[in-house]
């Protein structure tokens, strides 16, 4: 069954898939830019950003880099993976810094005085 689904190496489908992979992943870095800008401007410690999620994506791209270099030996794959690694790492590191985990400034109170989030139970 796999042979029926797996086109040969010179298949136009394989070429199309390769180009789609190249274009969508090479331009994917642009989609990180709004997230990087939002985290950079964030003053509440970037609490809306999941460090676990973004960190797992960093780890995934890092292992893909090793796979691309050592197993696939495919420079295009390595470059694209490196771009995505840089995007994910940027978001992760900026968020961690905003939370004071990397020597950055810890979150500041952003609520107005009297806001329910600033009231203490007495």
PDB file of N, CA and C in Angstrom:
ATOM      1  N   UNK A   1       0.819  -1.181   0.000  1.00  0.00           N
ATOM      2  CA  UNK A   1       0.000   0.000   0.000  1.00  0.00           C
ATOM      3  C   UNK A   1       0.872   1.258   0.000  1.00  0.00           C
ATOM      4  N   UNK A   2       1.963   1.258   0.792  1.00  0.00           N
ATOM      5  CA  UNK A   2       2.816   2.435   0.871  1.00  0.00           C
ATOM      6  C   UNK A   2       3.367   2.795  -0.507  1.00  0.00           C
ATOM      7  N   UNK A   3       3.755   1.831  -1.290  1.00  0.00           N
ATOM      8  CA  UNK A   3       4.305   2.108  -2.618  1.00  0.00           C
ATOM      9  C   UNK A   3       3.290   2.780  -3.528  1.00  0.00           C
ATOM     10  N   UNK A   4       2.013   2.474  -3.342  1.00  0.00           N
ATOM     11  CA  UNK A   4       0.967   3.124  -4.131  1.00  0.00           C
ATOM     12  C   UNK A   4       0.823   4.599  -3.750  1.00  0.00           C
ATOM     13  N   UNK A   5       1.060   4.916  -2.475  1.00  0.00           N
ATOM     14  CA  UNK A   5       0.925   6.287  -1.994  1.00  0.00           C
ATOM     15  C   UNK A   5       2.222   7.085  -2.134  1.00  0.00           C
ATOM     16  N   UNK A   6       3.341   6.403  -2.251  1.00  0.00           N
ATOM     17  CA  UNK A   6       4.643   7.052  -2.302  1.00  0.00           C
ATOM     18  C   UNK A   6       5.073   7.252  -3.751  1.00  0.00           C
ATOM     19  N   UNK A   7       5.018   8.490  -4.263  1.00  0.00           N
ATOM     20  CA  UNK A   7       5.428   8.732  -5.640  1.00  0.00           C
ATOM     21  C   UNK A   7       6.928   8.563  -5.787  1.00  0.00           C
ATOM     22  N   UNK A   8       7.369   8.300  -6.978  1.00  0.00           N
ATOM     23  CA  UNK A   8       8.791   8.141  -7.255  1.00  0.00           C
ATOM     24  C   UNK A   8       9.548   9.440  -7.055  1.00  0.00           C
ATOM     25  N   UNK A   9      10.891   9.367  -7.036  1.00  0.00           N
ATOM     26  CA  UNK A   9      11.705  10.543  -6.757  1.00  0.00           C
ATOM     27  C   UNK A   9      11.577  11.652  -7.794  1.00  0.00           C
ATOM     28  N   UNK A  10      11.151  11.352  -8.983  1.00  0.00           N
ATOM     29  CA  UNK A  10      11.029  12.388 -10.006  1.00  0.00           C
ATOM     30  C   UNK A  10       9.577  12.820 -10.221  1.00  0.00           C
ATOM     31  N   UNK A  11       8.728  12.474  -9.300  1.00  0.00           N
ATOM     32  CA  UNK A  11       7.315  12.790  -9.412  1.00  0.00           C
ATOM     33  C   UNK A  11       7.078  14.299  -9.318  1.00  0.00           C
ATOM     34  N   UNK A  12       6.183  14.827 -10.166  1.00  0.00           N
ATOM     35  CA  UNK A  12       5.846  16.246 -10.046  1.00  0.00           C
ATOM     36  C   UNK A  12       5.192  16.584  -8.703  1.00  0.00           C
ATOM     37  N   UNK A  13       4.519  15.609  -8.086  1.00  0.00           N
ATOM     38  CA  UNK A  13       3.921  15.830  -6.771  1.00  0.00           C
ATOM     39  C   UNK A  13       5.007  16.064  -5.727  1.00  0.00           C
ATOM     40  N   UNK A  14       6.064  15.293  -5.805  1.00  0.00           N
ATOM     41  CA  UNK A  14       7.171  15.453  -4.875  1.00  0.00           C
ATOM     42  C   UNK A  14       7.839  16.811  -5.057  1.00  0.00           C
ATOM     43  N   UNK A  15       7.987  17.226  -6.283  1.00  0.00           N
ATOM     44  CA  UNK A  15       8.563  18.544  -6.565  1.00  0.00           C
ATOM     45  C   UNK A  15       7.668  19.640  -6.016  1.00  0.00           C
ATOM     46  N   UNK A  16       6.374  19.521  -6.225  1.00  0.00           N
ATOM     47  CA  UNK A  16       5.423  20.508  -5.712  1.00  0.00           C
ATOM     48  C   UNK A  16       5.476  20.579  -4.191  1.00  0.00           C
ATOM     49  N   UNK A  17       5.498  19.433  -3.532  1.00  0.00           N
ATOM     50  CA  UNK A  17       5.563  19.388  -2.075  1.00  0.00           C
ATOM     51  C   UNK A  17       6.857  20.021  -1.578  1.00  0.00           C
ATOM     52  N   UNK A  18       7.960  19.733  -2.250  1.00  0.00           N
ATOM     53  CA  UNK A  18       9.248  20.311  -1.854  1.00  0.00           C
ATOM     54  C   UNK A  18       9.212  21.834  -1.959  1.00  0.00           C
ATOM     55  N   UNK A  19       8.652  22.362  -3.037  1.00  0.00           N
ATOM     56  CA  UNK A  19       8.558  23.814  -3.208  1.00  0.00           C
ATOM     57  C   UNK A  19       7.610  24.441  -2.195  1.00  0.00           C
ATOM     58  N   UNK A  20       6.491  23.781  -1.934  1.00  0.00           N
ATOM     59  CA  UNK A  20       5.558  24.287  -0.928  1.00  0.00           C
ATOM     60  C   UNK A  20       6.212  24.330   0.454  1.00  0.00           C
ATOM     61  N   UNK A  21       6.951  23.302   0.778  1.00  0.00           N
ATOM     62  CA  UNK A  21       7.671  23.264   2.052  1.00  0.00           C
ATOM     63  C   UNK A  21       8.664  24.416   2.124  1.00  0.00           C
ATOM     64  N   UNK A  22       9.412  24.602   1.071  1.00  0.00           N
ATOM     65  CA  UNK A  22      10.419  25.656   1.031  1.00  0.00           C
ATOM     66  C   UNK A  22       9.787  27.032   1.190  1.00  0.00           C
ATOM     67  N   UNK A  23       8.763  27.323   0.417  1.00  0.00           N
ATOM     68  CA  UNK A  23       8.147  28.654   0.434  1.00  0.00           C
ATOM     69  C   UNK A  23       7.423  28.921   1.764  1.00  0.00           C
ATOM     70  N   UNK A  24       6.602  27.976   2.222  1.00  0.00           N
ATOM     71  CA  UNK A  24       5.838  28.228   3.446  1.00  0.00           C
ATOM     72  C   UNK A  24       6.736  28.328   4.669  1.00  0.00           C
ATOM     73  N   UNK A  25       7.775  27.545   4.722  1.00  0.00           N
ATOM     74  CA  UNK A  25       8.637  27.582   5.896  1.00  0.00           C
ATOM     75  C   UNK A  25       9.672  28.697   5.829  1.00  0.00           C
ATOM     76  N   UNK A  26      10.095  29.055   4.656  1.00  0.00           N
ATOM     77  CA  UNK A  26      11.045  30.161   4.535  1.00  0.00           C
ATOM     78  C   UNK A  26      10.374  31.493   4.868  1.00  0.00           C
ATOM     79  N   UNK A  27       9.094  31.607   4.593  1.00  0.00           N
ATOM     80  CA  UNK A  27       8.380  32.852   4.892  1.00  0.00           C
ATOM     81  C   UNK A  27       7.720  32.825   6.270  1.00  0.00           C
ATOM     82  N   UNK A  28       7.779  31.703   6.924  1.00  0.00           N
ATOM     83  CA  UNK A  28       7.142  31.574   8.235  1.00  0.00           C
ATOM     84  C   UNK A  28       7.763  32.508   9.266  1.00  0.00           C
ATOM     85  N   UNK A  29       9.027  32.857   9.079  1.00  0.00           N
ATOM     86  CA  UNK A  29       9.658  33.766  10.029  1.00  0.00           C
ATOM     87  C   UNK A  29       8.883  35.079  10.121  1.00  0.00           C
ATOM     88  N   UNK A  30       8.296  35.500   9.009  1.00  0.00           N
ATOM     89  CA  UNK A  30       7.507  36.739   9.023  1.00  0.00           C
ATOM     90  C   UNK A  30       6.342  36.643  10.002  1.00  0.00           C
ATOM     91  N   UNK A  31       5.817  35.447  10.188  1.00  0.00           N
ATOM     92  CA  UNK A  31       4.689  35.288  11.109  1.00  0.00           C
ATOM     93  C   UNK A  31       5.128  35.352  12.567  1.00  0.00           C
ATOM     94  N   UNK A  32       6.427  35.175  12.825  1.00  0.00           N
ATOM     95  CA  UNK A  32       6.930  35.322  14.186  1.00  0.00           C
ATOM     96  C   UNK A  32       7.040  36.797  14.577  1.00  0.00           C
ATOM     97  N   UNK A  33       7.241  37.670  13.609  1.00  0.00           N
ATOM     98  CA  UNK A  33       7.506  39.077  13.903  1.00  0.00           C
ATOM     99  C   UNK A  33       6.407  39.751  14.729  1.00  0.00           C
ATOM    100  N   UNK A  34       5.113  39.586  14.406  1.00  0.00           N
ATOM    101  CA  UNK A  34       4.087  40.207  15.263  1.00  0.00           C
ATOM    102  C   UNK A  34       4.110  39.653  16.694  1.00  0.00           C
ATOM    103  N   UNK A  35       4.396  38.376  16.839  1.00  0.00           N
ATOM    104  CA  UNK A  35       4.448  37.778  18.175  1.00  0.00           C
ATOM    105  C   UNK A  35       5.662  38.316  18.941  1.00  0.00           C
ATOM    106  N   UNK A  36       6.786  38.430  18.266  1.00  0.00           N
ATOM    107  CA  UNK A  36       7.988  38.989  18.891  1.00  0.00           C
ATOM    108  C   UNK A  36       7.718  40.423  19.341  1.00  0.00           C
ATOM    109  N   UNK A  37       7.095  41.213  18.474  1.00  0.00           N
ATOM    110  CA  UNK A  37       6.786  42.608  18.818  1.00  0.00           C
ATOM    111  C   UNK A  37       5.827  42.678  20.007  1.00  0.00           C
ATOM    112  N   UNK A  38       4.819  41.819  20.038  1.00  0.00           N
ATOM    113  CA  UNK A  38       3.848  41.826  21.138  1.00  0.00           C
ATOM    114  C   UNK A  38       4.512  41.449  22.458  1.00  0.00           C
ATOM    115  N   UNK A  39       5.358  40.449  22.446  1.00  0.00           N
ATOM    116  CA  UNK A  39       6.038  40.028  23.672  1.00  0.00           C
ATOM    117  C   UNK A  39       7.020  41.110  24.115  1.00  0.00           C
ATOM    118  N   UNK A  40       7.679  41.740  23.172  1.00  0.00           N
ATOM    119  CA  UNK A  40       8.637  42.797  23.485  1.00  0.00           C
ATOM    120  C   UNK A  40       7.941  43.971  24.195  1.00  0.00           C
ATOM    121  N   UNK A  41       6.747  44.323  23.728  1.00  0.00           N
ATOM    122  CA  UNK A  41       6.003  45.443  24.312  1.00  0.00           C
ATOM    123  C   UNK A  41       5.305  45.072  25.615  1.00  0.00           C
ATOM    124  N   UNK A  42       5.143  43.813  25.874  1.00  0.00           N
ATOM    125  CA  UNK A  42       4.391  43.334  27.030  1.00  0.00           C
ATOM    126  C   UNK A  42       5.055  43.769  28.331  1.00  0.00           C
ATOM    127  N   UNK A  43       4.250  44.275  29.243  1.00  0.00           N
ATOM    128  CA  UNK A  43       4.769  44.752  30.533  1.00  0.00           C
ATOM    129  C   UNK A  43       4.245  43.938  31.709  1.00  0.00           C
ATOM    130  N   UNK A  44       3.502  42.882  31.426  1.00  0.00           N
ATOM    131  CA  UNK A  44       2.965  42.079  32.524  1.00  0.00           C
ATOM    132  C   UNK A  44       3.699  40.748  32.672  1.00  0.00           C
ATOM    133  N   UNK A  45       4.914  40.694  32.157  1.00  0.00           N
ATOM    134  CA  UNK A  45       5.671  39.449  32.245  1.00  0.00           C
ATOM    135  C   UNK A  45       5.315  38.465  31.153  1.00  0.00           C
ATOM    136  N   UNK A  46       4.642  38.935  30.121  1.00  0.00           N
ATOM    137  CA  UNK A  46       4.246  38.089  28.988  1.00  0.00           C
ATOM    138  C   UNK A  46       3.506  36.843  29.472  1.00  0.00           C
ATOM    139  N   UNK A  47       2.571  37.055  30.392  1.00  0.00           N
ATOM    140  CA  UNK A  47       1.840  35.945  30.999  1.00  0.00           C
ATOM    141  C   UNK A  47       0.976  35.174  30.008  1.00  0.00           C
ATOM    142  N   UNK A  48       0.608  35.794  28.898  1.00  0.00           N
ATOM    143  CA  UNK A  48      -0.218  35.112  27.902  1.00  0.00           C
ATOM    144  C   UNK A  48       0.595  34.137  27.055  1.00  0.00           C
ATOM    145  N   UNK A  49       1.909  34.182  27.184  1.00  0.00           N
ATOM    146  CA  UNK A  49       2.791  33.310  26.411  1.00  0.00           C
ATOM    147  C   UNK A  49       3.116  32.075  27.245  1.00  0.00           C
ATOM    148  N   UNK A  50       2.901  30.912  26.690  1.00  0.00           N
ATOM    149  CA  UNK A  50       3.238  29.673  27.375  1.00  0.00           C
ATOM    150  C   UNK A  50       4.701  29.340  27.110  1.00  0.00           C
ATOM    151  N   UNK A  51       5.530  29.476  28.146  1.00  0.00           N
ATOM    152  CA  UNK A  51       6.944  29.131  27.990  1.00  0.00           C
ATOM    153  C   UNK A  51       7.116  27.633  27.727  1.00  0.00           C
ATOM    154  N   UNK A  52       6.230  26.824  28.270  1.00  0.00           N
ATOM    155  CA  UNK A  52       6.291  25.386  28.015  1.00  0.00           C
ATOM    156  C   UNK A  52       6.064  25.100  26.531  1.00  0.00           C
ATOM    157  N   UNK A  53       5.045  25.720  25.951  1.00  0.00           N
ATOM    158  CA  UNK A  53       4.738  25.493  24.534  1.00  0.00           C
ATOM    159  C   UNK A  53       5.852  26.013  23.641  1.00  0.00           C
ATOM    160  N   UNK A  54       6.219  27.285  23.815  1.00  0.00           N
ATOM    161  CA  UNK A  54       7.261  27.868  22.965  1.00  0.00           C
ATOM    162  C   UNK A  54       8.596  27.169  23.193  1.00  0.00           C
ATOM    163  N   UNK A  55       8.875  26.778  24.432  1.00  0.00           N
ATOM    164  CA  UNK A  55      10.109  26.048  24.720  1.00  0.00           C
ATOM    165  C   UNK A  55      10.130  24.682  24.048  1.00  0.00           C
ATOM    166  N   UNK A  56       8.980  24.024  23.993  1.00  0.00           N
ATOM    167  CA  UNK A  56       8.934  22.717  23.317  1.00  0.00           C
ATOM    168  C   UNK A  56       9.155  22.882  21.815  1.00  0.00           C
ATOM    169  N   UNK A  57       8.677  24.011  21.253  1.00  0.00           N
ATOM    170  CA  UNK A  57       8.929  24.260  19.838  1.00  0.00           C
ATOM    171  C   UNK A  57      10.404  24.545  19.583  1.00  0.00           C
ATOM    172  N   UNK A  58      11.049  25.230  20.518  1.00  0.00           N
ATOM    173  CA  UNK A  58      12.492  25.465  20.401  1.00  0.00           C
ATOM    174  C   UNK A  58      13.224  24.120  20.412  1.00  0.00           C
ATOM    175  N   UNK A  59      12.882  23.266  21.363  1.00  0.00           N
ATOM    176  CA  UNK A  59      13.506  21.949  21.455  1.00  0.00           C
ATOM    177  C   UNK A  59      13.246  21.127  20.193  1.00  0.00           C
ATOM    178  N   UNK A  60      12.029  21.194  19.673  1.00  0.00           N
ATOM    179  CA  UNK A  60      11.688  20.471  18.451  1.00  0.00           C
ATOM    180  C   UNK A  60      12.536  20.939  17.270  1.00  0.00           C
ATOM    181  N   UNK A  61      12.670  22.265  17.123  1.00  0.00           N
ATOM    182  CA  UNK A  61      13.484  22.787  16.020  1.00  0.00           C
ATOM    183  C   UNK A  61      14.959  22.481  16.226  1.00  0.00           C
ATOM    184  N   UNK A  62      15.409  22.464  17.469  1.00  0.00           N
ATOM    185  CA  UNK A  62      16.803  22.138  17.742  1.00  0.00           C
ATOM    186  C   UNK A  62      17.107  20.689  17.360  1.00  0.00           C
ATOM    187  N   UNK A  63      16.209  19.776  17.726  1.00  0.00           N
ATOM    188  CA  UNK A  63      16.430  18.378  17.351  1.00  0.00           C
ATOM    189  C   UNK A  63      16.306  18.200  15.837  1.00  0.00           C
ATOM    190  N   UNK A  64      15.427  18.964  15.200  1.00  0.00           N
ATOM    191  CA  UNK A  64      15.318  18.909  13.739  1.00  0.00           C
ATOM    192  C   UNK A  64      16.607  19.388  13.079  1.00  0.00           C
ATOM    193  N   UNK A  65      17.266  20.377  13.696  1.00  0.00           N
ATOM    194  CA  UNK A  65      18.545  20.853  13.162  1.00  0.00           C
ATOM    195  C   UNK A  65      19.568  19.717  13.172  1.00  0.00           C
ATOM    196  N   UNK A  66      19.664  19.028  14.302  1.00  0.00           N
ATOM    197  CA  UNK A  66      20.590  17.900  14.381  1.00  0.00           C
ATOM    198  C   UNK A  66      20.232  16.828  13.355  1.00  0.00           C
ATOM    199  N   UNK A  67      18.963  16.550  13.213  1.00  0.00           N
ATOM    200  CA  UNK A  67      18.495  15.565  12.238  1.00  0.00           C
ATOM    201  C   UNK A  67      18.872  15.991  10.823  1.00  0.00           C
ATOM    202  N   UNK A  68      18.651  17.260  10.510  1.00  0.00           N
ATOM    203  CA  UNK A  68      18.974  17.763   9.177  1.00  0.00           C
ATOM    204  C   UNK A  68      20.452  17.710   8.867  1.00  0.00           C
ATOM    205  N   UNK A  69      21.282  18.018   9.867  1.00  0.00           N
ATOM    206  CA  UNK A  69      22.731  18.004   9.663  1.00  0.00           C
ATOM    207  C   UNK A  69      23.272  16.578   9.630  1.00  0.00           C
ATOM    208  N   UNK A  70      22.893  15.776  10.615  1.00  0.00           N
ATOM    209  CA  UNK A  70      23.518  14.468  10.778  1.00  0.00           C
ATOM    210  C   UNK A  70      22.872  13.349   9.973  1.00  0.00           C
ATOM    211  N   UNK A  71      21.562  13.410   9.766  1.00  0.00           N
ATOM    212  CA  UNK A  71      20.862  12.321   9.080  1.00  0.00           C
ATOM    213  C   UNK A  71      20.558  12.688   7.630  1.00  0.00           C
ATOM    214  N   UNK A  72      19.852  13.789   7.448  1.00  0.00           N
ATOM    215  CA  UNK A  72      19.447  14.174   6.094  1.00  0.00           C
ATOM    216  C   UNK A  72      20.575  14.811   5.291  1.00  0.00           C
ATOM    217  N   UNK A  73      21.447  15.523   5.991  1.00  0.00           N
ATOM    218  CA  UNK A  73      22.524  16.270   5.345  1.00  0.00           C
ATOM    219  C   UNK A  73      21.971  17.148   4.217  1.00  0.00           C
ATOM    220  N   UNK A  74      20.929  17.896   4.579  1.00  0.00           N
ATOM    221  CA  UNK A  74      20.203  18.729   3.619  1.00  0.00           C
ATOM    222  C   UNK A  74      20.307  20.179   4.070  1.00  0.00           C
ATOM    223  N   UNK A  75      21.105  20.971   3.373  1.00  0.00           N
ATOM    224  CA  UNK A  75      21.361  22.352   3.773  1.00  0.00           C
ATOM    225  C   UNK A  75      20.095  23.193   3.758  1.00  0.00           C
ATOM    226  N   UNK A  76      19.195  22.965   2.802  1.00  0.00           N
ATOM    227  CA  UNK A  76      17.950  23.737   2.743  1.00  0.00           C
ATOM    228  C   UNK A  76      17.090  23.465   3.966  1.00  0.00           C
ATOM    229  N   UNK A  77      16.961  22.211   4.334  1.00  0.00           N
ATOM    230  CA  UNK A  77      16.203  21.838   5.525  1.00  0.00           C
ATOM    231  C   UNK A  77      16.820  22.471   6.768  1.00  0.00           C
ATOM    232  N   UNK A  78      18.136  22.436   6.864  1.00  0.00           N
ATOM    233  CA  UNK A  78      18.838  22.983   8.019  1.00  0.00           C
ATOM    234  C   UNK A  78      18.628  24.497   8.113  1.00  0.00           C
ATOM    235  N   UNK A  79      18.724  25.190   6.981  1.00  0.00           N
ATOM    236  CA  UNK A  79      18.544  26.643   6.983  1.00  0.00           C
ATOM    237  C   UNK A  79      17.114  27.011   7.394  1.00  0.00           C
ATOM    238  N   UNK A  80      16.143  26.351   6.814  1.00  0.00           N
ATOM    239  CA  UNK A  80      14.741  26.632   7.149  1.00  0.00           C
ATOM    240  C   UNK A  80      14.455  26.321   8.615  1.00  0.00           C
ATOM    241  N   UNK A  81      14.969  25.209   9.091  1.00  0.00           N
ATOM    242  CA  UNK A  81      14.782  24.850  10.491  1.00  0.00           C
ATOM    243  C   UNK A  81      15.470  25.867  11.396  1.00  0.00           C
ATOM    244  N   UNK A  82      16.630  26.336  10.977  1.00  0.00           N
ATOM    245  CA  UNK A  82      17.341  27.361  11.753  1.00  0.00           C
ATOM    246  C   UNK A  82      16.558  28.658  11.848  1.00  0.00           C
ATOM    247  N   UNK A  83      15.921  29.042  10.764  1.00  0.00           N
ATOM    248  CA  UNK A  83      15.087  30.254  10.768  1.00  0.00           C
ATOM    249  C   UNK A  83      13.928  30.091  11.759  1.00  0.00           C
ATOM    250  N   UNK A  84      13.280  28.945  11.725  1.00  0.00           N
ATOM    251  CA  UNK A  84      12.167  28.703  12.645  1.00  0.00           C
ATOM    252  C   UNK A  84      12.654  28.564  14.080  1.00  0.00           C
ATOM    253  N   UNK A  85      13.822  28.003  14.282  1.00  0.00           N
ATOM    254  CA  UNK A  85      14.418  27.929  15.609  1.00  0.00           C
ATOM    255  C   UNK A  85      14.668  29.338  16.144  1.00  0.00           C
ATOM    256  N   UNK A  86      15.188  30.213  15.307  1.00  0.00           N
ATOM    257  CA  UNK A  86      15.456  31.596  15.723  1.00  0.00           C
ATOM    258  C   UNK A  86      14.162  32.314  16.102  1.00  0.00           C
ATOM    259  N   UNK A  87      13.100  32.115  15.333  1.00  0.00           N
ATOM    260  CA  UNK A  87      11.822  32.755  15.631  1.00  0.00           C
ATOM    261  C   UNK A  87      11.247  32.281  16.951  1.00  0.00           C
ATOM    262  N   UNK A  88      11.216  30.979  17.151  1.00  0.00           N
ATOM    263  CA  UNK A  88      10.670  30.426  18.396  1.00  0.00           C
ATOM    264  C   UNK A  88      11.542  30.803  19.597  1.00  0.00           C
ATOM    265  N   UNK A  89      12.841  30.744  19.422  1.00  0.00           N
ATOM    266  CA  UNK A  89      13.749  31.086  20.517  1.00  0.00           C
ATOM    267  C   UNK A  89      13.609  32.556  20.889  1.00  0.00           C
ATOM    268  N   UNK A  90      13.397  33.415  19.907  1.00  0.00           N
ATOM    269  CA  UNK A  90      13.223  34.844  20.190  1.00  0.00           C
ATOM    270  C   UNK A  90      12.021  35.082  21.084  1.00  0.00           C
ATOM    271  N   UNK A  91      10.892  34.501  20.723  1.00  0.00           N
ATOM    272  CA  UNK A  91       9.679  34.666  21.525  1.00  0.00           C
ATOM    273  C   UNK A  91       9.899  34.102  22.930  1.00  0.00           C
ATOM    274  N   UNK A  92      10.483  32.919  23.009  1.00  0.00           N
ATOM    275  CA  UNK A  92      10.693  32.251  24.290  1.00  0.00           C
ATOM    276  C   UNK A  92      11.626  33.049  25.193  1.00  0.00           C
ATOM    277  N   UNK A  93      12.745  33.495  24.644  1.00  0.00           N
ATOM    278  CA  UNK A  93      13.729  34.219  25.453  1.00  0.00           C
ATOM    279  C   UNK A  93      13.218  35.591  25.887  1.00  0.00           C
ATOM    280  N   UNK A  94      12.524  36.281  25.001  1.00  0.00           N
ATOM    281  CA  UNK A  94      11.968  37.588  25.380  1.00  0.00           C
ATOM    282  C   UNK A  94      10.930  37.419  26.479  1.00  0.00           C
ATOM    283  N   UNK A  95      10.064  36.415  26.347  1.00  0.00           N
ATOM    284  CA  UNK A  95       9.043  36.176  27.382  1.00  0.00           C
ATOM    285  C   UNK A  95       9.699  35.808  28.707  1.00  0.00           C
ATOM    286  N   UNK A  96      10.723  34.959  28.671  1.00  0.00           N
ATOM    287  CA  UNK A  96      11.420  34.571  29.901  1.00  0.00           C
ATOM    288  C   UNK A  96      12.103  35.788  30.536  1.00  0.00           C
ATOM    289  N   UNK A  97      12.662  36.634  29.717  1.00  0.00           N
ATOM    290  CA  UNK A  97      13.295  37.860  30.241  1.00  0.00           C
ATOM    291  C   UNK A  97      12.251  38.793  30.848  1.00  0.00           C
ATOM    292  N   UNK A  98      11.101  38.925  30.202  1.00  0.00           N
ATOM    293  CA  UNK A  98      10.038  39.783  30.727  1.00  0.00           C
ATOM    294  C   UNK A  98       9.541  39.283  32.083  1.00  0.00           C
ATOM    295  N   UNK A  99       9.665  37.994  32.329  1.00  0.00           N
ATOM    296  CA  UNK A  99       9.233  37.429  33.609  1.00  0.00           C
ATOM    297  C   UNK A  99      10.335  37.483  34.653  1.00  0.00           C
ATOM    298  N   UNK A 100      11.497  37.983  34.260  1.00  0.00           N
ATOM    299  CA  UNK A 100      12.614  38.080  35.188  1.00  0.00           C
ATOM    300  C   UNK A 100      13.373  36.785  35.349  1.00  0.00           C
ATOM    301  N   UNK A 101      13.137  35.808  34.478  1.00  0.00           N
ATOM    302  CA  UNK A 101      13.807  34.515  34.586  1.00  0.00           C
ATOM    303  C   UNK A 101      15.229  34.543  34.026  1.00  0.00           C
ATOM    304  N   UNK A 102      15.547  35.533  33.214  1.00  0.00           N
ATOM    305  CA  UNK A 102      16.878  35.633  32.603  1.00  0.00           C
ATOM    306  C   UNK A 102      17.546  36.955  32.969  1.00  0.00           C
ATOM    307  N   UNK A 103      17.274  37.439  34.150  1.00  0.00           N
ATOM    308  CA  UNK A 103      17.888  38.674  34.592  1.00  0.00           C
ATOM    309  C   UNK A 103      17.172  39.925  34.122  1.00  0.00           C
ATOM    310  N   UNK A 104      16.014  39.763  33.518  1.00  0.00           N
ATOM    311  CA  UNK A 104      15.241  40.922  33.073  1.00  0.00           C
ATOM    312  C   UNK A 104      14.467  41.525  34.228  1.00  0.00           C
ATOM    313  N   UNK A 105      13.712  42.517  33.917  1.00  0.00           N
ATOM    314  CA  UNK A 105      12.882  43.172  34.913  1.00  0.00           C
ATOM    315  C   UNK A 105      11.650  42.325  35.179  1.00  0.00           C
ATOM    316  N   UNK A 106      11.397  42.003  36.444  1.00  0.00           N
ATOM    317  CA  UNK A 106      10.183  41.236  36.750  1.00  0.00           C
ATOM    318  C   UNK A 106       8.935  42.022  36.374  1.00  0.00           C
ATOM    319  N   UNK A 107       7.817  41.352  36.235  1.00  0.00           N
ATOM    320  CA  UNK A 107       6.571  42.018  35.839  1.00  0.00           C
ATOM    321  C   UNK A 107       6.215  43.138  36.805  1.00  0.00           C
ATOM    322  N   UNK A 108       5.689  44.205  36.242  1.00  0.00           N
ATOM    323  CA  UNK A 108       5.181  45.320  37.044  1.00  0.00           C
ATOM    324  C   UNK A 108       3.671  45.221  37.106  1.00  0.00           C
ATOM    325  N   UNK A 109       3.113  45.817  38.135  1.00  0.00           N
ATOM    326  CA  UNK A 109       1.657  45.889  38.255  1.00  0.00           C
ATOM    327  C   UNK A 109       1.151  46.831  37.174  1.00  0.00           C
ATOM    328  N   UNK A 110       0.232  46.361  36.349  1.00  0.00           N
ATOM    329  CA  UNK A 110      -0.263  47.186  35.258  1.00  0.00           C
ATOM    330  C   UNK A 110      -1.693  47.635  35.479  1.00  0.00           C
ATOM    331  N   UNK A 111      -2.290  47.243  36.583  1.00  0.00           N
ATOM    332  CA  UNK A 111      -3.676  47.607  36.844  1.00  0.00           C
ATOM    333  C   UNK A 111      -3.750  48.971  37.507  1.00  0.00           C
ATOM    334  N   UNK A 112      -4.825  49.666  37.269  1.00  0.00           N
ATOM    335  CA  UNK A 112      -5.050  50.966  37.895  1.00  0.00           C
ATOM    336  C   UNK A 112      -5.360  50.771  39.373  1.00  0.00           C
ATOM    337  N   UNK A 113      -5.016  51.760  40.198  1.00  0.00           N
ATOM    338  CA  UNK A 113      -5.365  51.653  41.617  1.00  0.00           C
ATOM    339  C   UNK A 113      -6.865  51.418  41.770  1.00  0.00           C
ATOM    340  N   UNK A 114      -7.219  50.543  42.674  1.00  0.00           N
ATOM    341  CA  UNK A 114      -8.614  50.239  42.906  1.00  0.00           C
ATOM    342  C   UNK A 114      -9.165  49.159  41.985  1.00  0.00           C
ATOM    343  N   UNK A 115      -8.379  48.754  40.985  1.00  0.00           N
ATOM    344  CA  UNK A 115      -8.793  47.666  40.091  1.00  0.00           C
ATOM    345  C   UNK A 115      -8.896  46.398  40.932  1.00  0.00           C
ATOM    346  N   UNK A 116      -9.891  45.546  40.682  1.00  0.00           N
ATOM    347  CA  UNK A 116     -10.081  44.343  41.504  1.00  0.00           C
ATOM    348  C   UNK A 116      -8.826  43.489  41.629  1.00  0.00           C
ATOM    349  N   UNK A 117      -7.962  43.477  40.613  1.00  0.00           N
ATOM    350  CA  UNK A 117      -6.763  42.644  40.683  1.00  0.00           C
ATOM    351  C   UNK A 117      -5.754  43.194  41.676  1.00  0.00           C
ATOM    352  N   UNK A 118      -5.872  44.465  42.081  1.00  0.00           N
ATOM    353  CA  UNK A 118      -4.916  45.054  43.010  1.00  0.00           C
ATOM    354  C   UNK A 118      -5.440  45.118  44.439  1.00  0.00           C
ATOM    355  N   UNK A 119      -6.682  44.787  44.637  1.00  0.00           N
ATOM    356  CA  UNK A 119      -7.252  44.830  45.990  1.00  0.00           C
ATOM    357  C   UNK A 119      -6.843  43.587  46.758  1.00  0.00           C
ATOM    358  N   UNK A 120      -6.561  43.768  48.027  1.00  0.00           N
ATOM    359  CA  UNK A 120      -6.158  42.635  48.871  1.00  0.00           C
ATOM    360  C   UNK A 120      -7.338  42.262  49.778  1.00  0.00           C
ATOM    361  N   UNK A 121      -7.412  40.992  50.089  1.00  0.00           N
ATOM    362  CA  UNK A 121      -8.438  40.546  51.042  1.00  0.00           C
ATOM    363  C   UNK A 121      -8.012  40.969  52.440  1.00  0.00           C
ATOM    364  N   UNK A 122      -8.876  41.597  53.119  1.00  0.00           N
ATOM    365  CA  UNK A 122      -8.552  42.015  54.502  1.00  0.00           C
ATOM    366  C   UNK A 122      -9.495  41.397  55.487  1.00  0.00           C
TER     367      UNK A 122
END
